[in-house]
Protein backbone atom coordinates (compact mmCIF):
# COMPACT_ATOMS: atom_id res chain seq x y z
CA MET A 1 66.17 33.54 23.07
CA LYS A 2 64.54 30.51 24.75
CA LYS A 3 61.23 32.41 24.94
CA PHE A 4 61.45 33.16 21.22
CA ILE A 5 62.07 29.50 20.32
CA LEU A 6 59.17 28.32 22.50
CA SER A 7 56.92 30.91 20.92
CA CYS A 8 57.80 29.70 17.42
CA LEU A 9 57.17 26.09 18.42
CA ALA A 10 53.75 27.00 19.82
CA VAL A 11 52.77 28.79 16.61
CA GLY A 12 53.98 25.82 14.54
CA ALA A 13 51.94 23.39 16.63
CA LEU A 14 48.84 25.56 16.25
CA LEU A 15 49.22 25.68 12.48
CA SER A 16 49.69 21.89 12.37
CA CYS A 17 46.46 21.34 14.31
CA GLN A 18 44.58 23.68 11.99
CA GLN A 19 45.84 21.82 8.91
CA ASN A 20 44.66 18.44 10.25
CA THR A 21 41.18 19.61 11.22
CA ILE A 22 38.42 17.60 9.51
CA PRO A 23 36.51 19.98 7.16
CA GLU A 24 33.01 20.89 8.23
CA GLU A 25 30.00 20.35 5.95
CA ASN A 26 30.16 22.55 2.84
CA GLU A 27 33.77 23.51 3.66
CA ILE A 28 35.89 23.43 0.52
CA THR A 29 38.68 20.88 0.80
CA GLN A 30 41.26 21.95 -1.79
CA GLU A 31 43.71 24.84 -1.88
CA GLU A 32 42.55 26.53 -5.06
CA THR A 33 41.49 30.08 -5.83
CA PRO A 34 39.43 31.98 -6.71
CA SER A 35 36.19 30.71 -5.12
CA GLY A 36 32.65 30.61 -6.46
CA THR A 37 29.07 29.99 -5.35
CA LEU A 38 26.86 27.25 -6.80
CA PHE A 39 23.06 27.40 -6.60
CA VAL A 40 21.49 23.97 -7.28
CA ASN A 41 17.79 23.54 -7.99
CA LEU A 42 16.14 20.09 -8.10
CA PHE A 43 13.53 18.92 -10.58
CA VAL A 44 11.46 15.82 -9.77
CA PRO A 45 9.49 14.92 -12.94
CA GLY A 46 5.76 15.25 -12.42
CA SER A 47 5.96 17.36 -9.26
CA PRO A 48 4.81 19.35 -7.45
CA GLY A 49 1.16 18.60 -6.77
CA THR A 50 0.64 16.16 -9.63
CA LYS A 51 -0.23 12.48 -9.71
CA THR A 52 0.84 9.76 -12.07
CA PRO A 53 -2.23 7.64 -12.88
CA GLY A 54 -2.59 5.17 -10.04
CA GLY A 55 0.19 6.81 -8.06
CA SER A 56 0.59 9.19 -5.17
CA THR A 57 2.10 12.64 -4.67
CA ASP A 58 4.23 10.99 -1.96
CA GLU A 59 6.24 9.42 -4.80
CA TYR A 60 7.61 12.89 -5.55
CA LYS A 61 8.28 13.91 -1.95
CA VAL A 62 11.69 15.37 -1.06
CA ASN A 63 12.44 14.80 2.63
CA THR A 64 16.24 15.06 2.62
CA LEU A 65 18.75 16.32 0.07
CA GLN A 66 22.51 15.91 -0.14
CA ILE A 67 24.55 17.66 -2.83
CA PHE A 68 28.08 16.51 -3.72
CA VAL A 69 30.46 18.66 -5.80
CA PHE A 70 33.39 16.87 -7.43
CA LYS A 71 36.21 18.45 -9.42
CA SER A 72 35.81 17.33 -13.04
CA VAL A 73 39.26 16.05 -14.04
CA ASP A 74 38.84 12.72 -15.85
CA LYS A 75 35.88 11.12 -17.63
CA THR A 76 37.22 7.57 -17.46
CA ASN A 77 38.91 7.40 -14.04
CA LEU A 78 36.35 8.97 -11.73
CA ALA A 79 38.55 8.30 -8.70
CA LEU A 80 40.56 11.34 -9.84
CA ASN A 81 37.48 13.53 -9.50
CA VAL A 82 37.95 14.38 -5.83
CA LYS A 83 35.20 15.86 -3.68
CA GLU A 84 35.38 19.60 -3.13
CA THR A 85 32.34 19.99 -0.91
CA ASP A 86 28.94 18.59 0.00
CA LYS A 87 25.86 19.84 1.79
CA TRP A 88 22.99 18.06 3.55
CA VAL A 89 19.54 19.52 4.23
CA ALA A 90 16.61 17.77 5.89
CA ASP A 91 13.87 20.38 5.71
CA GLY A 92 12.24 19.34 2.42
CA SER A 93 14.17 21.92 0.37
CA THR A 94 14.54 21.40 -3.36
CA SER A 95 17.30 23.98 -3.77
CA VAL A 96 20.58 24.67 -1.99
CA THR A 97 23.53 27.08 -2.21
CA LEU A 98 27.12 25.88 -1.77
CA ASN A 99 30.55 27.51 -1.68
CA THR A 100 33.11 25.87 -3.94
CA TYR A 101 35.95 26.74 -6.35
CA VAL A 102 35.82 27.95 -9.93
CA GLY A 103 36.16 25.48 -12.78
CA LYS A 104 34.36 22.49 -14.22
CA LYS A 105 32.40 20.41 -11.66
CA ASN A 106 30.43 17.17 -11.59
CA VAL A 107 27.48 17.67 -9.24
CA TRP A 108 25.33 14.90 -7.74
CA ALA A 109 22.02 15.18 -5.90
CA LEU A 110 20.88 12.40 -3.55
CA VAL A 111 17.26 12.64 -2.39
CA ASN A 112 15.90 10.66 0.59
CA ALA A 113 19.12 8.63 0.87
CA PRO A 114 20.99 8.19 4.16
CA ARG A 115 23.61 10.83 4.86
CA LEU A 116 26.76 9.62 3.09
CA ALA A 117 30.44 10.52 2.75
CA PHE A 118 32.63 10.06 -0.35
CA GLU A 119 36.17 11.16 -1.17
CA ASN A 120 35.73 10.98 -4.95
CA GLU A 121 33.11 10.47 -7.64
CA ASP A 122 33.93 6.80 -8.21
CA GLU A 123 33.06 6.01 -4.59
CA LEU A 124 29.63 7.58 -5.09
CA ILE A 125 28.63 5.85 -8.31
CA THR A 126 29.72 2.42 -7.04
CA HIS A 127 27.98 2.75 -3.66
CA TYR A 128 25.02 0.37 -3.27
CA SER A 129 21.69 1.68 -2.06
CA ARG A 130 19.54 -0.86 -0.20
CA LEU A 131 15.84 -1.36 -0.80
CA GLU A 132 15.00 -0.84 2.88
CA GLU A 133 16.36 2.73 2.67
CA ASN A 134 13.11 3.53 0.85
CA SER A 135 9.57 3.86 2.13
CA PRO A 136 6.30 4.66 0.31
CA THR A 137 6.74 8.33 1.35
CA HIS A 138 10.53 8.37 1.15
CA LEU A 139 11.70 7.04 -2.24
CA VAL A 140 15.43 7.35 -2.95
CA MET A 141 16.13 9.52 -6.01
CA VAL A 142 19.43 10.43 -7.68
CA GLY A 143 20.55 12.83 -10.41
CA SER A 144 23.71 14.48 -11.68
CA SER A 145 24.92 17.23 -13.99
CA THR A 146 28.09 19.05 -15.03
CA THR A 147 28.65 22.78 -14.80
CA GLU A 148 31.35 25.46 -14.97
CA VAL A 149 31.50 27.43 -11.71
CA THR A 150 32.52 31.06 -12.19
CA GLU A 151 34.07 33.45 -9.69
CA TYR A 152 31.64 34.74 -7.10
CA ASN A 153 30.92 38.47 -7.06
CA ALA A 154 29.88 39.42 -3.54
CA ALA A 155 28.49 42.75 -4.70
CA ALA A 156 26.04 40.99 -6.99
CA SER A 157 24.83 38.64 -4.21
CA LEU A 158 23.01 35.53 -5.47
CA GLY A 159 22.81 36.93 -8.96
CA SER A 160 26.46 36.05 -9.50
CA ALA A 161 26.10 32.46 -8.33
CA THR A 162 26.42 29.69 -10.91
CA GLN A 163 22.92 28.29 -11.54
CA LEU A 164 22.44 24.53 -12.04
CA GLY A 165 19.30 22.45 -12.42
CA ILE A 166 19.42 18.70 -11.72
CA THR A 167 16.69 16.23 -12.63
CA VAL A 168 16.48 13.29 -10.22
CA GLN A 169 14.97 9.87 -10.87
CA ARG A 170 13.91 7.09 -8.54
CA LEU A 171 16.28 4.18 -8.12
CA GLY A 172 13.31 1.89 -7.59
CA ALA A 173 10.30 0.85 -9.66
CA ARG A 174 6.62 0.67 -8.75
CA ILE A 175 4.29 -2.31 -9.13
CA SER A 176 0.61 -1.63 -8.53
CA ILE A 177 -2.71 -3.41 -8.79
CA ARG A 178 -5.90 -1.36 -9.12
CA ASN A 179 -8.74 -3.89 -8.94
CA VAL A 180 -9.75 -7.55 -9.28
CA ASN A 181 -12.71 -8.71 -11.35
CA VAL A 182 -14.27 -12.18 -10.90
CA ASP A 183 -16.48 -13.89 -13.46
CA PHE A 184 -17.34 -17.51 -12.65
CA THR A 185 -20.38 -17.52 -14.96
CA ASN A 186 -20.98 -20.84 -16.75
CA THR A 187 -18.07 -22.54 -14.94
CA SER A 188 -17.87 -25.14 -12.20
CA LEU A 189 -17.30 -22.20 -9.80
CA GLU A 190 -20.65 -20.53 -10.52
CA GLY A 191 -22.15 -19.43 -7.20
CA CYS A 192 -18.75 -19.22 -5.48
CA TYR A 193 -17.04 -16.32 -3.71
CA LEU A 194 -13.38 -15.32 -3.92
CA ASP A 195 -11.97 -14.09 -0.59
CA ILE A 196 -8.73 -12.15 -1.17
CA LYS A 197 -6.41 -12.43 1.83
CA GLU A 198 -3.08 -11.00 0.70
CA VAL A 199 -1.09 -9.50 -2.16
CA TYR A 200 2.70 -9.49 -2.10
CA VAL A 201 5.91 -9.50 -4.16
CA LEU A 202 8.50 -12.28 -4.47
CA ASN A 203 12.02 -12.27 -5.96
CA ALA A 204 12.85 -8.66 -5.13
CA ILE A 205 16.43 -7.45 -5.69
CA ASN A 206 17.74 -5.72 -2.57
CA THR A 207 20.47 -3.40 -3.93
CA VAL A 208 21.34 -1.07 -6.81
CA THR A 209 24.20 1.43 -7.21
CA LEU A 210 23.55 5.12 -6.79
CA ASN A 211 24.05 5.65 -10.52
CA GLY A 212 21.33 3.07 -11.20
CA THR A 213 23.48 0.08 -12.22
CA PRO A 214 21.61 -3.11 -11.22
CA ARG A 215 23.12 -6.38 -10.09
CA SER A 216 24.33 -8.27 -13.16
CA VAL A 217 23.06 -11.65 -14.31
CA ASP A 218 26.44 -13.12 -13.35
CA GLU A 219 26.13 -11.74 -9.82
CA LEU A 220 22.59 -13.06 -9.48
CA SER A 221 23.68 -16.45 -10.85
CA ASN A 222 26.41 -16.89 -8.25
CA SER A 223 24.65 -15.82 -5.08
CA ASN A 224 21.23 -15.73 -3.43
CA ALA A 225 22.35 -12.85 -1.17
CA TYR A 226 20.91 -10.20 -3.51
CA TRP A 227 17.26 -11.24 -3.08
CA TYR A 228 14.42 -10.57 -0.68
CA ASN A 229 11.52 -13.07 -0.62
CA MET A 230 13.36 -15.39 -2.95
CA GLU A 231 10.74 -17.80 -4.36
CA THR A 232 8.60 -17.49 -1.22
CA TRP A 233 7.77 -14.94 1.47
CA ASN A 234 10.58 -14.65 4.03
CA ASP A 235 9.70 -13.28 7.47
CA GLU A 236 13.40 -12.48 8.01
CA THR A 237 13.31 -9.83 5.29
CA PRO A 238 13.99 -6.45 6.97
CA ALA A 239 10.78 -4.83 8.21
CA ALA A 240 11.31 -1.68 6.13
CA ALA A 241 11.63 -3.81 2.98
CA LYS A 242 8.55 -5.89 3.83
CA GLU A 243 6.57 -2.65 4.01
CA LEU A 244 7.43 -2.13 0.33
CA LEU A 245 6.76 -5.69 -0.78
CA GLY A 246 3.23 -6.39 0.38
CA GLU A 247 0.65 -7.32 2.95
CA ARG A 248 0.49 -10.80 4.46
CA GLY A 249 -2.95 -11.80 5.70
CA ASN A 250 -4.12 -8.22 6.18
CA LEU A 251 -6.74 -8.14 3.43
CA ASN A 252 -10.32 -9.33 3.93
CA LEU A 253 -11.94 -8.55 0.60
CA THR A 254 -14.77 -10.67 -0.80
CA ILE A 255 -15.97 -10.80 -4.42
CA GLY A 256 -19.10 -12.66 -5.51
CA PRO A 257 -21.11 -14.75 -5.63
CA THR A 258 -20.22 -15.65 -9.25
CA THR A 259 -19.30 -12.14 -10.40
CA GLY A 260 -18.08 -8.86 -9.00
CA THR A 261 -15.22 -6.37 -8.77
CA GLN A 262 -13.18 -5.24 -5.78
CA ASP A 263 -10.85 -2.24 -5.64
CA LEU A 264 -7.43 -3.03 -4.21
CA ASN A 265 -5.30 0.05 -4.99
CA ARG A 266 -2.11 -1.51 -3.63
CA TYR A 267 1.38 -0.24 -4.45
CA PHE A 268 4.73 -2.04 -4.14
CA TYR A 269 8.28 -0.75 -4.66
CA VAL A 270 11.22 -2.84 -5.88
CA TYR A 271 14.77 -2.37 -7.19
CA PRO A 272 15.82 -3.21 -10.80
CA ASN A 273 15.97 -6.86 -11.79
CA VAL A 274 17.85 -7.75 -15.00
CA SER A 275 16.98 -11.45 -14.90
CA PRO A 276 16.16 -12.68 -18.40
CA ALA A 277 12.88 -14.34 -19.26
CA ALA A 278 12.20 -17.65 -17.56
CA ASN A 279 12.29 -19.41 -20.95
CA ASP A 280 15.75 -18.02 -21.81
CA LYS A 281 17.78 -21.23 -22.12
CA THR A 282 21.12 -19.35 -22.07
CA VAL A 283 20.77 -18.92 -18.29
CA SER A 284 20.34 -22.11 -16.29
CA SER A 285 21.07 -20.87 -12.75
CA PRO A 286 18.14 -21.24 -10.33
CA ASN A 287 19.22 -17.93 -8.77
CA VAL A 288 18.10 -15.99 -11.84
CA ARG A 289 14.37 -15.31 -11.63
CA LEU A 290 11.81 -12.66 -12.50
CA THR A 291 10.14 -10.53 -9.86
CA ARG A 292 6.65 -11.90 -9.21
CA LEU A 293 3.34 -10.53 -7.91
CA ILE A 294 1.21 -12.96 -5.89
CA LEU A 295 -2.55 -12.67 -5.30
CA HIS A 296 -3.63 -15.17 -2.62
CA GLY A 297 -7.21 -16.01 -1.67
CA TYR A 298 -9.82 -18.70 -1.07
CA ILE A 299 -12.72 -19.88 -3.20
CA ARG A 300 -15.76 -20.93 -1.19
CA GLY A 301 -19.50 -21.38 -1.30
CA ALA A 302 -20.24 -24.00 -3.98
CA ALA A 303 -20.74 -27.76 -3.65
CA GLY A 304 -17.35 -29.43 -3.59
CA ARG A 305 -15.66 -26.05 -3.30
CA GLY A 306 -16.16 -25.32 0.39
CA SER A 307 -19.12 -25.22 2.71
CA GLY A 308 -20.96 -21.94 3.22
CA ASP A 309 -18.85 -19.23 4.83
CA ASN A 310 -16.50 -21.64 6.63
CA ILE A 311 -13.12 -20.51 5.34
CA ALA A 312 -11.43 -23.57 6.84
CA HIS A 313 -13.17 -25.71 4.21
CA ALA A 314 -12.57 -23.35 1.30
CA GLU A 315 -10.19 -24.03 -1.57
CA GLU A 316 -6.94 -22.09 -1.44
CA SER A 317 -5.97 -20.26 -4.65
CA TYR A 318 -2.76 -18.48 -5.67
CA TYR A 319 -2.51 -16.32 -8.79
CA CYS A 320 1.09 -15.58 -9.87
CA PHE A 321 2.24 -12.87 -12.28
CA ASP A 322 5.82 -12.39 -13.46
CA ILE A 323 6.60 -8.68 -13.65
CA PRO A 324 6.99 -7.65 -16.38
CA LYS A 325 5.56 -10.14 -18.85
CA SER A 326 8.44 -12.52 -19.57
CA SER A 327 7.73 -12.91 -23.29
CA GLU A 328 7.82 -9.17 -24.01
CA VAL A 329 10.08 -7.40 -21.50
CA ASN A 330 12.82 -9.19 -19.61
CA CYS A 331 13.67 -6.91 -16.72
CA ILE A 332 12.49 -4.33 -14.20
CA GLU A 333 14.06 -0.89 -14.69
CA SER A 334 14.64 2.02 -12.33
CA ASN A 335 12.05 4.82 -12.35
CA HIS A 336 9.50 2.67 -14.20
CA THR A 337 5.96 1.74 -13.25
CA TYR A 338 4.33 -1.64 -13.74
CA ASP A 339 0.66 -0.92 -13.12
CA ILE A 340 -2.03 -3.60 -13.32
CA GLU A 341 -5.35 -1.91 -13.96
CA THR A 342 -7.54 -5.02 -13.70
CA ILE A 343 -7.01 -8.72 -13.08
CA THR A 344 -9.92 -10.82 -14.39
CA ILE A 345 -10.29 -14.25 -12.76
CA THR A 346 -12.49 -17.00 -14.22
CA MET A 347 -10.85 -20.05 -12.64
CA ALA A 348 -9.31 -21.54 -9.50
CA GLY A 349 -5.69 -20.62 -8.87
CA GLY A 350 -2.66 -22.74 -8.09
CA ILE A 351 -2.09 -24.50 -4.78
CA SER A 352 0.99 -22.41 -3.87
CA ASP A 353 2.92 -19.32 -4.94
CA GLN A 354 5.43 -21.47 -6.86
CA PRO A 355 5.31 -21.30 -10.68
CA ASP A 356 5.21 -25.09 -11.13
CA LYS A 357 2.05 -25.21 -8.99
CA ARG A 358 0.02 -22.94 -11.25
CA PRO A 359 -3.23 -24.22 -12.75
CA LYS A 360 -2.79 -26.06 -16.02
CA TYR A 361 -6.06 -24.99 -17.60
CA GLY A 362 -8.31 -21.94 -17.84
CA LYS A 363 -7.27 -18.33 -18.10
CA VAL A 364 -6.46 -15.35 -15.90
CA THR A 365 -5.79 -12.07 -17.65
CA ALA A 366 -4.26 -8.81 -16.49
CA ASN A 367 -3.78 -5.66 -18.52
CA VAL A 368 -0.50 -4.14 -17.34
CA THR A 369 0.77 -0.64 -18.09
CA VAL A 370 4.55 -0.32 -18.20
CA GLY A 371 6.55 2.87 -18.57
CA GLN A 372 8.47 5.57 -16.79
CA TRP A 373 6.63 7.64 -14.19
CA GLY A 374 4.90 9.16 -17.24
CA GLY A 375 4.64 7.26 -20.56
CA HIS A 376 3.02 3.84 -20.83
CA THR A 377 2.95 0.57 -22.78
CA ILE A 378 0.23 -2.07 -22.47
CA LEU A 379 1.06 -5.72 -21.68
CA THR A 380 -1.48 -8.55 -21.34
CA TYR A 381 -0.88 -11.60 -19.14
CA GLU A 382 -2.46 -15.05 -19.42
CA LEU A 383 -1.87 -17.94 -16.98
């Protein structure tokens, strides 16, 4: 009798251990039958093998993919939509097969994001992605869709799997500058050169939720913790973020004398910024500011404007551009491009990268194309 009791206790302990085991990846986590198979295929707009004007095929690159399957229970309280399974692949695949249960599912695809864990759908959509999780060849992309998973028929193999396509979009936006044109003809700078030393981005937001919700104006008004390079370049910005925001002192490009054009072909990647236009009087907080592109160089070579090629005696010039143009569009949006085809310079710049130090006369123009990684709208800037 004692042997029988001990045997029962041993079996009970074994069952208890099995019930408390942490589920492995792609192991379904609810007691529900029957089961089904879900085949998810990704679509990255514009890929494969295509280029957005001024862009790179790297902007479409899928390095890692994580699929989350949530039970679709409630449209308003997403915490009730518990996770059934997830799967992570890091081989560049754009499709994946998962085992799950039958019924209505909300399915999320995270591309190039860190490997994450969520218990329900609300945890996913409120999770903040950080700018430094991106790189020029590793842009974070997210997409979701809803489907009805049907019972899997083993005899039919993959043909019986529920098919689902998900379109993903980048959480970030791209700012680019193609070339700089100088024309000092009939000005006091005639005969001068412009030496371009660096191009970089200021006032970059550092986080956005996985469902693309940016930091609100209220959040930005009450804290400076959501910014990288706030108002000036900050060497303490994480290295991975600095790689996205520009080059300090690494350019040695000369235009002139008097006229000339130089190709830059530089690309920068930022997160959404909902700050209203600088002239919006309804927002007075100094922590609300537009993202800004800075072109920094030196003018040299003319009498009173520097001596010969001695850069130490040249006149420093900063050219500042709010992105996008504050009088026409008031924020940077996810999955949008802000592409400057040409900046034309006919004057000396400001003495720093601060807006109140800009030149008070003359004109600098830039034709800027704004749109999703696809369509475009033209903006023109004047300083």
